[in-house]
Protein backbone atom coordinates (compact mmCIF):
# COMPACT_ATOMS: atom_id res chain seq x y z
CA MET A 1 63.16 52.34 186.07
CA GLN A 2 60.28 52.41 183.60
CA ALA A 3 59.78 55.44 181.43
CA PRO A 4 56.09 56.31 181.23
CA ARG A 5 54.72 55.60 177.74
CA GLN A 6 53.16 59.06 177.45
CA SER A 7 56.53 60.62 178.26
CA ILE A 8 58.17 58.49 175.58
CA GLU A 9 55.56 59.52 173.01
CA SER A 10 56.13 63.17 173.94
CA SER A 11 59.87 62.70 173.49
CA VAL A 12 59.40 61.06 170.09
CA ILE A 13 57.12 63.91 169.02
CA ALA A 14 59.74 66.46 170.13
CA ILE A 15 62.44 64.62 168.17
CA VAL A 16 60.23 64.50 165.06
CA GLU A 17 59.48 68.21 165.44
CA ASP A 18 63.21 68.92 165.71
CA LEU A 19 64.00 66.86 162.61
CA THR A 20 61.25 68.53 160.59
CA GLN A 21 61.57 72.10 161.88
CA ASP A 22 62.75 73.41 158.49
CA TRP A 23 60.09 71.54 156.50
CA GLY A 24 57.36 74.14 156.95
CA LEU A 25 55.04 71.76 158.82
CA ASP A 26 52.58 72.80 161.52
CA ALA A 27 54.06 71.24 164.65
CA GLU A 28 50.64 71.34 166.33
CA ASP A 29 49.46 68.69 163.88
CA ILE A 30 52.09 66.17 165.04
CA GLY A 31 50.75 63.65 167.54
CA GLY A 32 50.53 59.95 168.29
CA SER A 33 48.45 59.17 165.22
CA THR A 34 50.78 61.06 162.88
CA ARG A 35 52.23 58.70 160.26
CA LEU A 36 55.80 59.34 159.16
CA VAL A 37 55.37 58.70 155.44
CA GLU A 38 51.69 59.47 154.88
CA HIS A 39 51.52 62.69 156.90
CA LEU A 40 55.11 63.95 157.08
CA ASP A 41 56.52 62.66 153.77
CA PHE A 42 59.46 60.96 155.50
CA ALA A 43 61.92 59.22 153.19
CA SER A 44 63.93 56.21 154.32
CA VAL A 45 66.89 58.42 155.24
CA ASP A 46 64.60 60.52 157.47
CA ILE A 47 63.41 57.39 159.26
CA ILE A 48 67.02 56.34 159.84
CA GLN A 49 67.83 59.80 161.22
CA LEU A 50 64.82 59.55 163.52
CA CYS A 51 65.91 56.16 164.83
CA VAL A 52 69.44 57.44 165.48
CA ALA A 53 68.10 60.54 167.23
CA ILE A 54 65.84 58.44 169.47
CA GLU A 55 68.73 56.12 170.39
CA GLN A 56 70.88 59.14 171.20
CA HIS A 57 68.08 60.64 173.30
CA TYR A 58 67.77 57.45 175.37
CA ASP A 59 71.53 56.72 175.23
CA ARG A 60 71.01 53.10 174.19
CA LYS A 61 70.65 50.89 171.15
CA LEU A 62 67.01 49.92 170.70
CA GLY A 63 67.18 47.49 167.78
CA PHE A 64 64.92 49.42 165.41
CA ARG A 65 65.54 46.74 162.79
CA ASP A 66 62.89 44.67 164.59
CA LEU A 67 60.36 47.48 164.10
CA LEU A 68 61.28 48.42 160.56
CA LEU A 69 61.65 44.95 159.07
CA VAL A 70 58.80 42.43 159.28
CA ASP A 71 59.01 39.01 157.60
CA GLY A 72 61.95 40.17 155.52
CA SER A 73 60.18 43.28 154.17
CA TYR A 74 60.42 46.85 155.27
CA VAL A 75 57.26 48.34 156.73
CA HIS A 76 55.76 51.05 154.57
CA ASP A 77 54.76 53.49 157.30
CA LEU A 78 54.67 53.90 161.08
CA SER A 79 52.80 56.17 163.43
CA ILE A 80 54.50 58.05 166.22
CA ALA A 81 52.46 55.99 168.70
CA GLN A 82 53.81 52.75 167.19
CA ILE A 83 57.37 54.02 167.51
CA ALA A 84 56.77 55.17 171.09
CA GLU A 85 55.26 51.78 171.98
CA PHE A 86 58.30 50.01 170.51
CA VAL A 87 60.71 52.27 172.41
CA ALA A 88 58.77 51.76 175.65
CA SER A 89 58.82 47.98 175.22
CA ARG A 90 62.58 47.98 174.58
CA ILE A 91 63.29 50.20 177.57
CA GLU A 92 61.12 47.97 179.79
CA MET A 93 62.89 44.87 178.46
CA ASP A 94 66.31 46.44 179.17
CA ASP A 95 65.20 47.41 182.68
CA ARG A 96 64.04 43.83 183.40
CA ILE A 97 67.37 42.45 182.23
CA LEU A 98 69.29 44.86 184.43
CA ARG A 99 67.36 43.88 187.58
């Protein structure tokens, strides 16, 4: 069963809002184009917490290493839309394997 990409993005936004609720941010400003480091001042530990929270939400390992590490170097920043796209692709891949 495929999870609609918009639904995944909404879930990622909700998880980010939950993780940052005590940071004094305006939750209305968080959307697909929001960048974790540039806009929300995420540190590496925050990104790890986000990845764990997303995996818990979807009750599966998603292999975030493939998103966070490119050519042996960590990516500097990611948008919520990029994360949602990655999650959607992994869920779709898992669903194809299970068929």
